[in-house]
Amino acid sequence: MDIVMKTEDKQLLCSLIRDHEDTMGSSRVTMMAIKAFIESVKQVQCQAKNIRELFAELSLAIKGTEPKVIPLIHLIEEFEKELDGEESQTVDEIKAQAIRILMQKHHKIETKIGQVVEHGLTCINEGDVIIVHTISYDVTNMLKLARQVLHKNFKVIVLKQDLAKTRRLVKSLSAAGIDMEIIPEYSLVHYIDQGNKVFMGALSITEDMKVVSAVGSANVVSLCHLNQLPIYLFANTLKYSHSPSSQQHIHRKVESKTHGDLCFQLVTHSHDTVDLKHVDYLVTESGIENKDAILASMKAAGS
């Protein structure tokens, strides 16, 4: 029997992952997706001969999202390789094996995130004024810990994106008692001389040395780079993609708009791409790399 996921279900899954990534970041959505996969394994009811086909269908749908959530894809590919066994296995044995592997994958990314945060805390100094253009789970936790646990005094300039994206970040920083100022992205030029560093996250880092990051990042990074403001990129190595930026499936959305007697189509994209050469410091679970070390690290990851 062929197990085929309905097209509308694939589209819904893609939309859910994209919307959650857009407001929570790829690390958080990866952990949530793996937990959801575990719950689906627990609840599925079928014959042993069909269950692996069901897993494969769901895995294929996850790998086909727009944009690609690279850390999630890497972990799902590992899951597929490790999910082997005898044909004589019962459905309960296969489910138990799948759950065990997925729990290991969840622990893997959770550990990497914790290590990125640990290294990132050393990037926050007393009196810093940090320009933040990300809703990254890693960066948000890092800023909160620096204030609440290490009791560092610093200020954050939050570049407002749309309200859904910015709301969660602002509430988290506010609850942590962090001094902050919220400004529109397009007003950054008026604040560029106040900041002393920039924090950003990534959906992925591609083999052609591009960072797929939040929409608006390209303009922000260009302005900060031009003004010699050091840019810190926080990304665990699961975000390293083995394909170029052109294959990251950045979502293109076309909406019909009407304003008075004017009707037009508005075209937007879910993410930007930024040249990695404009990043001054890359913070991964392995530590902090400066501009000279980033290229060597990326080449080693691709070999």
C-alpha atoms as a PDB file:
ATOM      1  CA  MET A   1       0.000   0.000   0.000  1.00  0.00           C
ATOM      2  CA  ASP A   2       1.394   3.423  -0.936  1.00  0.00           C
ATOM      3  CA  ILE A   3       1.206   6.003   1.846  1.00  0.00           C
ATOM      4  CA  VAL A   4       0.815   9.462   0.344  1.00  0.00           C
ATOM      5  CA  MET A   5       0.496  12.646   2.369  1.00  0.00           C
ATOM      6  CA  LYS A   6      -2.232  14.921   1.011  1.00  0.00           C
ATOM      7  CA  THR A   7      -1.029  18.045  -0.773  1.00  0.00           C
ATOM      8  CA  GLU A   8      -3.069  20.295   1.504  1.00  0.00           C
ATOM      9  CA  ASP A   9      -1.534  18.610   4.565  1.00  0.00           C
ATOM     10  CA  LYS A  10       1.968  19.220   3.193  1.00  0.00           C
ATOM     11  CA  GLN A  11       1.099  22.873   2.570  1.00  0.00           C
ATOM     12  CA  LEU A  12      -0.287  23.223   6.086  1.00  0.00           C
ATOM     13  CA  LEU A  13       2.837  21.654   7.593  1.00  0.00           C
ATOM     14  CA  CYS A  14       5.048  23.960   5.534  1.00  0.00           C
ATOM     15  CA  SER A  15       3.035  26.993   6.630  1.00  0.00           C
ATOM     16  CA  LEU A  16       3.126  25.991  10.306  1.00  0.00           C
ATOM     17  CA  ILE A  17       6.891  25.477  10.297  1.00  0.00           C
ATOM     18  CA  ARG A  18       7.479  28.738   8.396  1.00  0.00           C
ATOM     19  CA  ASP A  19       5.214  30.787  10.685  1.00  0.00           C
ATOM     20  CA  HIS A  20       6.790  29.380  13.847  1.00  0.00           C
ATOM     21  CA  GLU A  21      10.324  29.874  12.494  1.00  0.00           C
ATOM     22  CA  ASP A  22       9.406  33.439  11.606  1.00  0.00           C
ATOM     23  CA  THR A  23       8.442  34.302  15.181  1.00  0.00           C
ATOM     24  CA  MET A  24      10.620  31.936  17.255  1.00  0.00           C
ATOM     25  CA  GLY A  25      13.717  31.201  15.190  1.00  0.00           C
ATOM     26  CA  SER A  26      15.005  28.006  13.609  1.00  0.00           C
ATOM     27  CA  SER A  27      16.507  26.504  16.782  1.00  0.00           C
ATOM     28  CA  ARG A  28      13.247  26.705  18.692  1.00  0.00           C
ATOM     29  CA  VAL A  29      11.134  25.492  15.772  1.00  0.00           C
ATOM     30  CA  THR A  30      13.508  22.547  15.251  1.00  0.00           C
ATOM     31  CA  MET A  31      13.022  21.412  18.836  1.00  0.00           C
ATOM     32  CA  MET A  32       9.255  21.889  18.565  1.00  0.00           C
ATOM     33  CA  ALA A  33       9.082  19.954  15.287  1.00  0.00           C
ATOM     34  CA  ILE A  34      11.020  17.011  16.724  1.00  0.00           C
ATOM     35  CA  LYS A  35       8.717  16.921  19.757  1.00  0.00           C
ATOM     36  CA  ALA A  36       5.712  16.975  17.422  1.00  0.00           C
ATOM     37  CA  PHE A  37       7.261  14.118  15.412  1.00  0.00           C
ATOM     38  CA  ILE A  38       7.647  12.112  18.625  1.00  0.00           C
ATOM     39  CA  GLU A  39       3.984  12.685  19.503  1.00  0.00           C
ATOM     40  CA  SER A  40       2.900  11.607  16.024  1.00  0.00           C
ATOM     41  CA  VAL A  41       4.932   8.397  16.387  1.00  0.00           C
ATOM     42  CA  LYS A  42       3.223   7.674  19.701  1.00  0.00           C
ATOM     43  CA  GLN A  43      -0.230   8.168  18.215  1.00  0.00           C
ATOM     44  CA  VAL A  44       0.139   6.468  14.829  1.00  0.00           C
ATOM     45  CA  GLN A  45      -1.750   3.218  14.357  1.00  0.00           C
ATOM     46  CA  CYS A  46      -0.875   1.038  11.400  1.00  0.00           C
ATOM     47  CA  GLN A  47       0.724  -2.235  10.430  1.00  0.00           C
ATOM     48  CA  ALA A  48       4.463  -2.747  10.899  1.00  0.00           C
ATOM     49  CA  LYS A  49       5.002  -3.014   7.141  1.00  0.00           C
ATOM     50  CA  ASN A  50       3.625   0.529   6.625  1.00  0.00           C
ATOM     51  CA  ILE A  51       5.070   2.507   9.500  1.00  0.00           C
ATOM     52  CA  ARG A  52       8.478   3.256   7.976  1.00  0.00           C
ATOM     53  CA  GLU A  53       6.733   4.479   4.844  1.00  0.00           C
ATOM     54  CA  LEU A  54       4.694   6.859   6.989  1.00  0.00           C
ATOM     55  CA  PHE A  55       7.870   8.155   8.621  1.00  0.00           C
ATOM     56  CA  ALA A  56       9.477   8.632   5.199  1.00  0.00           C
ATOM     57  CA  GLU A  57       6.476  10.582   3.915  1.00  0.00           C
ATOM     58  CA  LEU A  58       6.506  12.939   6.892  1.00  0.00           C
ATOM     59  CA  SER A  59      10.289  13.356   6.667  1.00  0.00           C
ATOM     60  CA  LEU A  60      10.015  14.233   2.979  1.00  0.00           C
ATOM     61  CA  ALA A  61       7.393  16.879   3.729  1.00  0.00           C
ATOM     62  CA  ILE A  62       9.589  18.409   6.451  1.00  0.00           C
ATOM     63  CA  LYS A  63      12.573  18.562   4.082  1.00  0.00           C
ATOM     64  CA  GLY A  64      10.454  20.320   1.451  1.00  0.00           C
ATOM     65  CA  THR A  65       9.471  23.374   3.488  1.00  0.00           C
ATOM     66  CA  GLU A  66       9.907  26.941   2.235  1.00  0.00           C
ATOM     67  CA  PRO A  67      12.377  28.060   3.418  1.00  0.00           C
ATOM     68  CA  LYS A  68      14.434  25.018   4.324  1.00  0.00           C
ATOM     69  CA  VAL A  69      14.991  24.717   8.073  1.00  0.00           C
ATOM     70  CA  ILE A  70      18.493  23.295   7.771  1.00  0.00           C
ATOM     71  CA  PRO A  71      19.108  22.149  11.383  1.00  0.00           C
ATOM     72  CA  LEU A  72      15.806  20.271  11.347  1.00  0.00           C
ATOM     73  CA  ILE A  73      16.609  18.704   7.978  1.00  0.00           C
ATOM     74  CA  HIS A  74      20.034  17.527   9.184  1.00  0.00           C
ATOM     75  CA  LEU A  75      18.497  15.870  12.244  1.00  0.00           C
ATOM     76  CA  ILE A  76      15.711  14.244  10.220  1.00  0.00           C
ATOM     77  CA  GLU A  77      18.273  12.872   7.757  1.00  0.00           C
ATOM     78  CA  GLU A  78      20.226  11.404  10.678  1.00  0.00           C
ATOM     79  CA  PHE A  79      16.990   9.888  11.996  1.00  0.00           C
ATOM     80  CA  GLU A  80      16.298   8.255   8.636  1.00  0.00           C
ATOM     81  CA  LYS A  81      19.774   6.708   8.484  1.00  0.00           C
ATOM     82  CA  GLU A  82      19.602   5.382  12.032  1.00  0.00           C
ATOM     83  CA  LEU A  83      16.080   3.988  11.798  1.00  0.00           C
ATOM     84  CA  ASP A  84      16.913   0.515  10.629  1.00  0.00           C
ATOM     85  CA  GLY A  85      16.030  -2.901  11.925  1.00  0.00           C
ATOM     86  CA  GLU A  86      14.881  -6.367  11.054  1.00  0.00           C
ATOM     87  CA  GLU A  87      11.769  -6.819   8.958  1.00  0.00           C
ATOM     88  CA  SER A  88      10.475  -9.033  11.758  1.00  0.00           C
ATOM     89  CA  GLN A  89      10.190  -6.036  14.123  1.00  0.00           C
ATOM     90  CA  THR A  90       6.726  -5.349  15.489  1.00  0.00           C
ATOM     91  CA  VAL A  91       5.107  -1.948  15.093  1.00  0.00           C
ATOM     92  CA  ASP A  92       5.667  -1.232  18.802  1.00  0.00           C
ATOM     93  CA  GLU A  93       9.362  -2.078  18.494  1.00  0.00           C
ATOM     94  CA  ILE A  94       9.740   0.234  15.502  1.00  0.00           C
ATOM     95  CA  LYS A  95       7.892   3.039  17.300  1.00  0.00           C
ATOM     96  CA  ALA A  96      10.073   2.642  20.392  1.00  0.00           C
ATOM     97  CA  GLN A  97      13.215   2.792  18.255  1.00  0.00           C
ATOM     98  CA  ALA A  98      11.968   5.887  16.405  1.00  0.00           C
ATOM     99  CA  ILE A  99      11.101   7.694  19.639  1.00  0.00           C
ATOM    100  CA  ARG A 100      14.492   6.875  21.155  1.00  0.00           C
ATOM    101  CA  ILE A 101      16.348   8.239  18.112  1.00  0.00           C
ATOM    102  CA  LEU A 102      14.224  11.396  17.940  1.00  0.00           C
ATOM    103  CA  MET A 103      14.772  12.081  21.632  1.00  0.00           C
ATOM    104  CA  GLN A 104      18.521  11.817  21.013  1.00  0.00           C
ATOM    105  CA  LYS A 105      18.208  14.351  18.176  1.00  0.00           C
ATOM    106  CA  HIS A 106      16.273  16.724  20.419  1.00  0.00           C
ATOM    107  CA  HIS A 107      18.991  16.437  23.062  1.00  0.00           C
ATOM    108  CA  LYS A 108      21.668  17.033  20.415  1.00  0.00           C
ATOM    109  CA  ILE A 109      20.314  20.391  19.269  1.00  0.00           C
ATOM    110  CA  GLU A 110      19.410  21.404  22.815  1.00  0.00           C
ATOM    111  CA  THR A 111      23.022  20.796  23.850  1.00  0.00           C
ATOM    112  CA  LYS A 112      24.403  22.747  20.889  1.00  0.00           C
ATOM    113  CA  ILE A 113      22.108  25.690  21.648  1.00  0.00           C
ATOM    114  CA  GLY A 114      23.258  25.706  25.265  1.00  0.00           C
ATOM    115  CA  GLN A 115      26.892  25.759  24.177  1.00  0.00           C
ATOM    116  CA  VAL A 116      26.275  28.657  21.763  1.00  0.00           C
ATOM    117  CA  VAL A 117      24.618  30.610  24.574  1.00  0.00           C
ATOM    118  CA  GLU A 118      27.511  29.836  26.929  1.00  0.00           C
ATOM    119  CA  HIS A 119      30.080  31.182  24.460  1.00  0.00           C
ATOM    120  CA  GLY A 120      27.806  34.074  23.543  1.00  0.00           C
ATOM    121  CA  LEU A 121      27.649  35.316  27.123  1.00  0.00           C
ATOM    122  CA  THR A 122      31.320  36.264  26.837  1.00  0.00           C
ATOM    123  CA  CYS A 123      30.393  38.597  23.958  1.00  0.00           C
ATOM    124  CA  ILE A 124      28.283  40.801  26.248  1.00  0.00           C
ATOM    125  CA  ASN A 125      30.231  43.346  28.284  1.00  0.00           C
ATOM    126  CA  GLU A 126      29.340  45.915  30.902  1.00  0.00           C
ATOM    127  CA  GLY A 127      28.079  49.108  29.257  1.00  0.00           C
ATOM    128  CA  ASP A 128      27.494  47.578  25.815  1.00  0.00           C
ATOM    129  CA  VAL A 129      24.873  49.047  23.511  1.00  0.00           C
ATOM    130  CA  ILE A 130      23.851  46.104  21.356  1.00  0.00           C
ATOM    131  CA  ILE A 131      21.853  46.454  18.154  1.00  0.00           C
ATOM    132  CA  VAL A 132      19.666  43.363  17.834  1.00  0.00           C
ATOM    133  CA  HIS A 133      18.070  42.271  14.573  1.00  0.00           C
ATOM    134  CA  THR A 134      16.909  38.757  15.342  1.00  0.00           C
ATOM    135  CA  ILE A 135      14.240  36.856  17.261  1.00  0.00           C
ATOM    136  CA  SER A 136      16.711  33.998  17.718  1.00  0.00           C
ATOM    137  CA  TYR A 137      15.990  31.713  20.677  1.00  0.00           C
ATOM    138  CA  ASP A 138      19.745  31.548  21.331  1.00  0.00           C
ATOM    139  CA  VAL A 139      20.275  35.319  21.350  1.00  0.00           C
ATOM    140  CA  THR A 140      17.174  36.025  23.436  1.00  0.00           C
ATOM    141  CA  ASN A 141      18.227  33.530  26.132  1.00  0.00           C
ATOM    142  CA  MET A 142      21.774  34.845  26.045  1.00  0.00           C
ATOM    143  CA  LEU A 143      20.677  38.425  26.702  1.00  0.00           C
ATOM    144  CA  LYS A 144      18.335  37.332  29.499  1.00  0.00           C
ATOM    145  CA  LEU A 145      21.027  35.272  31.238  1.00  0.00           C
ATOM    146  CA  ALA A 146      23.583  38.067  30.938  1.00  0.00           C
ATOM    147  CA  ARG A 147      21.229  40.396  32.787  1.00  0.00           C
ATOM    148  CA  GLN A 148      19.498  38.061  35.259  1.00  0.00           C
ATOM    149  CA  VAL A 149      22.319  35.674  36.181  1.00  0.00           C
ATOM    150  CA  LEU A 150      25.528  37.579  35.458  1.00  0.00           C
ATOM    151  CA  HIS A 151      23.943  40.940  36.398  1.00  0.00           C
ATOM    152  CA  LYS A 152      25.603  42.759  33.522  1.00  0.00           C
ATOM    153  CA  ASN A 153      24.350  46.247  32.694  1.00  0.00           C
ATOM    154  CA  PHE A 154      23.895  46.875  28.988  1.00  0.00           C
ATOM    155  CA  LYS A 155      21.389  48.363  26.586  1.00  0.00           C
ATOM    156  CA  VAL A 156      19.693  46.762  23.608  1.00  0.00           C
ATOM    157  CA  ILE A 157      18.479  48.654  20.564  1.00  0.00           C
ATOM    158  CA  VAL A 158      15.739  46.446  19.132  1.00  0.00           C
ATOM    159  CA  LEU A 159      15.114  46.871  15.421  1.00  0.00           C
ATOM    160  CA  LYS A 160      11.367  46.484  15.085  1.00  0.00           C
ATOM    161  CA  GLN A 161      10.230  44.080  12.413  1.00  0.00           C
ATOM    162  CA  ASP A 162       6.535  43.247  12.142  1.00  0.00           C
ATOM    163  CA  LEU A 163       4.739  43.116  15.488  1.00  0.00           C
ATOM    164  CA  ALA A 164       4.426  39.317  15.619  1.00  0.00           C
ATOM    165  CA  LYS A 165       8.209  38.954  15.350  1.00  0.00           C
ATOM    166  CA  THR A 166       9.182  41.777  17.671  1.00  0.00           C
ATOM    167  CA  ARG A 167       6.530  41.214  20.355  1.00  0.00           C
ATOM    168  CA  ARG A 168       8.039  38.016  21.779  1.00  0.00           C
ATOM    169  CA  LEU A 169      11.556  39.490  21.908  1.00  0.00           C
ATOM    170  CA  VAL A 170      10.428  42.721  23.567  1.00  0.00           C
ATOM    171  CA  LYS A 171       8.369  40.882  26.190  1.00  0.00           C
ATOM    172  CA  SER A 172      11.289  38.568  27.016  1.00  0.00           C
ATOM    173  CA  LEU A 173      13.820  41.390  27.341  1.00  0.00           C
ATOM    174  CA  SER A 174      11.399  43.526  29.328  1.00  0.00           C
ATOM    175  CA  ALA A 175      10.691  40.677  31.776  1.00  0.00           C
ATOM    176  CA  ALA A 176      14.449  40.309  32.296  1.00  0.00           C
ATOM    177  CA  GLY A 177      14.781  43.988  33.192  1.00  0.00           C
ATOM    178  CA  ILE A 178      16.969  44.819  30.206  1.00  0.00           C
ATOM    179  CA  ASP A 179      17.282  48.474  29.236  1.00  0.00           C
ATOM    180  CA  MET A 180      16.133  48.759  25.639  1.00  0.00           C
ATOM    181  CA  GLU A 181      14.965  51.120  22.961  1.00  0.00           C
ATOM    182  CA  ILE A 182      12.718  49.961  20.132  1.00  0.00           C
ATOM    183  CA  ILE A 183      13.121  51.624  16.762  1.00  0.00           C
ATOM    184  CA  PRO A 184      11.976  50.877  13.197  1.00  0.00           C
ATOM    185  CA  GLU A 185      14.556  49.136  11.029  1.00  0.00           C
ATOM    186  CA  TYR A 186      14.582  52.084   8.648  1.00  0.00           C
ATOM    187  CA  SER A 187      15.615  54.472  11.471  1.00  0.00           C
ATOM    188  CA  LEU A 188      18.849  52.641  12.269  1.00  0.00           C
ATOM    189  CA  VAL A 189      20.924  55.312  10.530  1.00  0.00           C
ATOM    190  CA  HIS A 190      19.993  57.717  13.353  1.00  0.00           C
ATOM    191  CA  TYR A 191      21.279  55.295  16.017  1.00  0.00           C
ATOM    192  CA  ILE A 192      24.301  53.774  14.308  1.00  0.00           C
ATOM    193  CA  ASP A 193      26.759  55.854  16.343  1.00  0.00           C
ATOM    194  CA  GLN A 194      25.180  54.738  19.638  1.00  0.00           C
ATOM    195  CA  GLY A 195      25.735  50.991  19.226  1.00  0.00           C
ATOM    196  CA  ASN A 196      29.054  49.218  19.678  1.00  0.00           C
ATOM    197  CA  LYS A 197      28.102  45.785  18.282  1.00  0.00           C
ATOM    198  CA  VAL A 198      25.373  43.973  16.351  1.00  0.00           C
ATOM    199  CA  PHE A 199      23.802  40.609  17.203  1.00  0.00           C
ATOM    200  CA  MET A 200      22.091  38.525  14.537  1.00  0.00           C
ATOM    201  CA  GLY A 201      20.971  34.933  14.045  1.00  0.00           C
ATOM    202  CA  ALA A 202      20.679  32.670  11.020  1.00  0.00           C
ATOM    203  CA  LEU A 203      18.325  30.180   9.480  1.00  0.00           C
ATOM    204  CA  SER A 204      21.284  28.651   7.650  1.00  0.00           C
ATOM    205  CA  ILE A 205      24.822  29.297   6.443  1.00  0.00           C
ATOM    206  CA  THR A 206      25.282  28.047   2.900  1.00  0.00           C
ATOM    207  CA  GLU A 207      28.197  26.534   1.029  1.00  0.00           C
ATOM    208  CA  ASP A 208      28.527  29.683  -1.112  1.00  0.00           C
ATOM    209  CA  MET A 209      29.258  31.718   2.052  1.00  0.00           C
ATOM    210  CA  LYS A 210      25.837  33.301   2.469  1.00  0.00           C
ATOM    211  CA  VAL A 211      23.813  33.700   5.646  1.00  0.00           C
ATOM    212  CA  VAL A 212      20.073  33.124   5.256  1.00  0.00           C
ATOM    213  CA  SER A 213      18.613  35.361   7.940  1.00  0.00           C
ATOM    214  CA  ALA A 214      15.618  37.497   8.905  1.00  0.00           C
ATOM    215  CA  VAL A 215      14.149  39.720   6.231  1.00  0.00           C
ATOM    216  CA  GLY A 216      15.756  43.152   6.478  1.00  0.00           C
ATOM    217  CA  SER A 217      19.110  41.721   7.572  1.00  0.00           C
ATOM    218  CA  ALA A 218      20.853  42.601   4.311  1.00  0.00           C
ATOM    219  CA  ASN A 219      20.193  46.326   4.754  1.00  0.00           C
ATOM    220  CA  VAL A 220      21.045  46.282   8.466  1.00  0.00           C
ATOM    221  CA  VAL A 221      24.312  44.396   7.971  1.00  0.00           C
ATOM    222  CA  SER A 222      25.344  46.598   5.035  1.00  0.00           C
ATOM    223  CA  LEU A 223      24.843  49.789   7.050  1.00  0.00           C
ATOM    224  CA  CYS A 224      26.618  48.432  10.131  1.00  0.00           C
ATOM    225  CA  HIS A 225      29.498  47.024   8.080  1.00  0.00           C
ATOM    226  CA  LEU A 226      29.890  50.366   6.303  1.00  0.00           C
ATOM    227  CA  ASN A 227      30.139  52.074   9.689  1.00  0.00           C
ATOM    228  CA  GLN A 228      32.640  49.472  10.993  1.00  0.00           C
ATOM    229  CA  LEU A 229      30.307  48.180  13.685  1.00  0.00           C
ATOM    230  CA  PRO A 230      31.327  44.599  14.601  1.00  0.00           C
ATOM    231  CA  ILE A 231      28.705  42.021  13.627  1.00  0.00           C
ATOM    232  CA  TYR A 232      28.261  38.875  15.725  1.00  0.00           C
ATOM    233  CA  LEU A 233      26.479  35.921  14.138  1.00  0.00           C
ATOM    234  CA  PHE A 234      25.167  33.212  16.466  1.00  0.00           C
ATOM    235  CA  ALA A 235      24.587  29.846  14.789  1.00  0.00           C
ATOM    236  CA  ASN A 236      25.253  26.251  15.802  1.00  0.00           C
ATOM    237  CA  THR A 237      26.898  24.068  13.164  1.00  0.00           C
ATOM    238  CA  LEU A 238      23.673  22.193  12.381  1.00  0.00           C
ATOM    239  CA  LYS A 239      22.805  25.345  10.442  1.00  0.00           C
ATOM    240  CA  TYR A 240      25.600  24.710   7.930  1.00  0.00           C
ATOM    241  CA  SER A 241      23.974  23.821   4.624  1.00  0.00           C
ATOM    242  CA  HIS A 242      25.632  21.641   1.984  1.00  0.00           C
ATOM    243  CA  SER A 243      23.863  23.503  -0.827  1.00  0.00           C
ATOM    244  CA  PRO A 244      24.049  27.104  -2.119  1.00  0.00           C
ATOM    245  CA  SER A 245      21.785  29.965  -1.092  1.00  0.00           C
ATOM    246  CA  SER A 246      19.811  29.618  -4.334  1.00  0.00           C
ATOM    247  CA  GLN A 247      18.565  26.221  -3.122  1.00  0.00           C
ATOM    248  CA  GLN A 248      17.331  27.297   0.327  1.00  0.00           C
ATOM    249  CA  HIS A 249      13.727  27.648  -0.907  1.00  0.00           C
ATOM    250  CA  ILE A 250      13.232  31.182   0.424  1.00  0.00           C
ATOM    251  CA  HIS A 251       9.471  31.693   0.403  1.00  0.00           C
ATOM    252  CA  ARG A 252       8.123  34.213  -2.111  1.00  0.00           C
ATOM    253  CA  LYS A 253       4.683  35.596  -1.305  1.00  0.00           C
ATOM    254  CA  VAL A 254       2.430  37.558  -3.645  1.00  0.00           C
ATOM    255  CA  GLU A 255      -0.498  39.456  -2.126  1.00  0.00           C
ATOM    256  CA  SER A 256      -3.199  41.511  -3.808  1.00  0.00           C
ATOM    257  CA  LYS A 257      -3.514  44.943  -2.183  1.00  0.00           C
ATOM    258  CA  THR A 258      -6.091  47.694  -2.545  1.00  0.00           C
ATOM    259  CA  HIS A 259      -5.691  51.267  -1.298  1.00  0.00           C
ATOM    260  CA  GLY A 260      -8.511  53.526  -2.421  1.00  0.00           C
ATOM    261  CA  ASP A 261      -8.570  53.406  -6.209  1.00  0.00           C
ATOM    262  CA  LEU A 262      -5.156  51.744  -6.386  1.00  0.00           C
ATOM    263  CA  CYS A 263      -4.886  47.967  -6.829  1.00  0.00           C
ATOM    264  CA  PHE A 264      -1.542  46.208  -7.006  1.00  0.00           C
ATOM    265  CA  GLN A 265       0.340  43.032  -6.142  1.00  0.00           C
ATOM    266  CA  LEU A 266       2.870  43.170  -3.321  1.00  0.00           C
ATOM    267  CA  VAL A 267       5.752  40.688  -3.541  1.00  0.00           C
ATOM    268  CA  THR A 268       7.673  39.816  -0.367  1.00  0.00           C
ATOM    269  CA  HIS A 269      10.244  37.209   0.648  1.00  0.00           C
ATOM    270  CA  SER A 270      10.508  35.358   3.947  1.00  0.00           C
ATOM    271  CA  HIS A 271      14.264  35.857   4.413  1.00  0.00           C
ATOM    272  CA  ASP A 272      17.312  37.779   3.237  1.00  0.00           C
ATOM    273  CA  THR A 273      20.761  36.562   2.289  1.00  0.00           C
ATOM    274  CA  VAL A 274      23.852  38.257   3.689  1.00  0.00           C
ATOM    275  CA  ASP A 275      27.492  37.828   2.668  1.00  0.00           C
ATOM    276  CA  LEU A 276      29.337  35.925   5.380  1.00  0.00           C
ATOM    277  CA  LYS A 277      32.379  38.110   4.697  1.00  0.00           C
ATOM    278  CA  HIS A 278      30.511  40.982   6.386  1.00  0.00           C
ATOM    279  CA  VAL A 279      30.316  39.014   9.646  1.00  0.00           C
ATOM    280  CA  ASP A 280      33.117  39.820  12.088  1.00  0.00           C
ATOM    281  CA  TYR A 281      32.531  37.059  14.649  1.00  0.00           C
ATOM    282  CA  LEU A 282      30.826  33.685  14.243  1.00  0.00           C
ATOM    283  CA  VAL A 283      29.723  32.105  17.526  1.00  0.00           C
ATOM    284  CA  THR A 284      29.035  28.361  17.376  1.00  0.00           C
ATOM    285  CA  GLU A 285      28.968  25.572  19.964  1.00  0.00           C
ATOM    286  CA  SER A 286      32.734  25.252  19.418  1.00  0.00           C
ATOM    287  CA  GLY A 287      33.542  28.828  20.379  1.00  0.00           C
ATOM    288  CA  ILE A 288      34.040  32.277  18.854  1.00  0.00           C
ATOM    289  CA  GLU A 289      35.725  32.615  15.472  1.00  0.00           C
ATOM    290  CA  ASN A 290      36.978  35.886  14.040  1.00  0.00           C
ATOM    291  CA  LYS A 291      36.815  36.881  10.405  1.00  0.00           C
ATOM    292  CA  ASP A 292      40.063  35.073   9.538  1.00  0.00           C
ATOM    293  CA  ALA A 293      38.898  31.777  11.048  1.00  0.00           C
ATOM    294  CA  ILE A 294      35.371  31.751   9.601  1.00  0.00           C
ATOM    295  CA  LEU A 295      36.401  30.870   6.040  1.00  0.00           C
ATOM    296  CA  ALA A 296      38.615  27.993   7.182  1.00  0.00           C
ATOM    297  CA  SER A 297      35.838  26.671   9.403  1.00  0.00           C
ATOM    298  CA  MET A 298      33.281  26.732   6.593  1.00  0.00           C
ATOM    299  CA  LYS A 299      35.670  24.994   4.194  1.00  0.00           C
ATOM    300  CA  ALA A 300      36.318  22.281   6.778  1.00  0.00           C
ATOM    301  CA  ALA A 301      32.582  21.808   7.316  1.00  0.00           C
ATOM    302  CA  GLY A 302      32.027  21.357   3.592  1.00  0.00           C
ATOM    303  CA  SER A 303      34.835  18.855   3.070  1.00  0.00           C
END
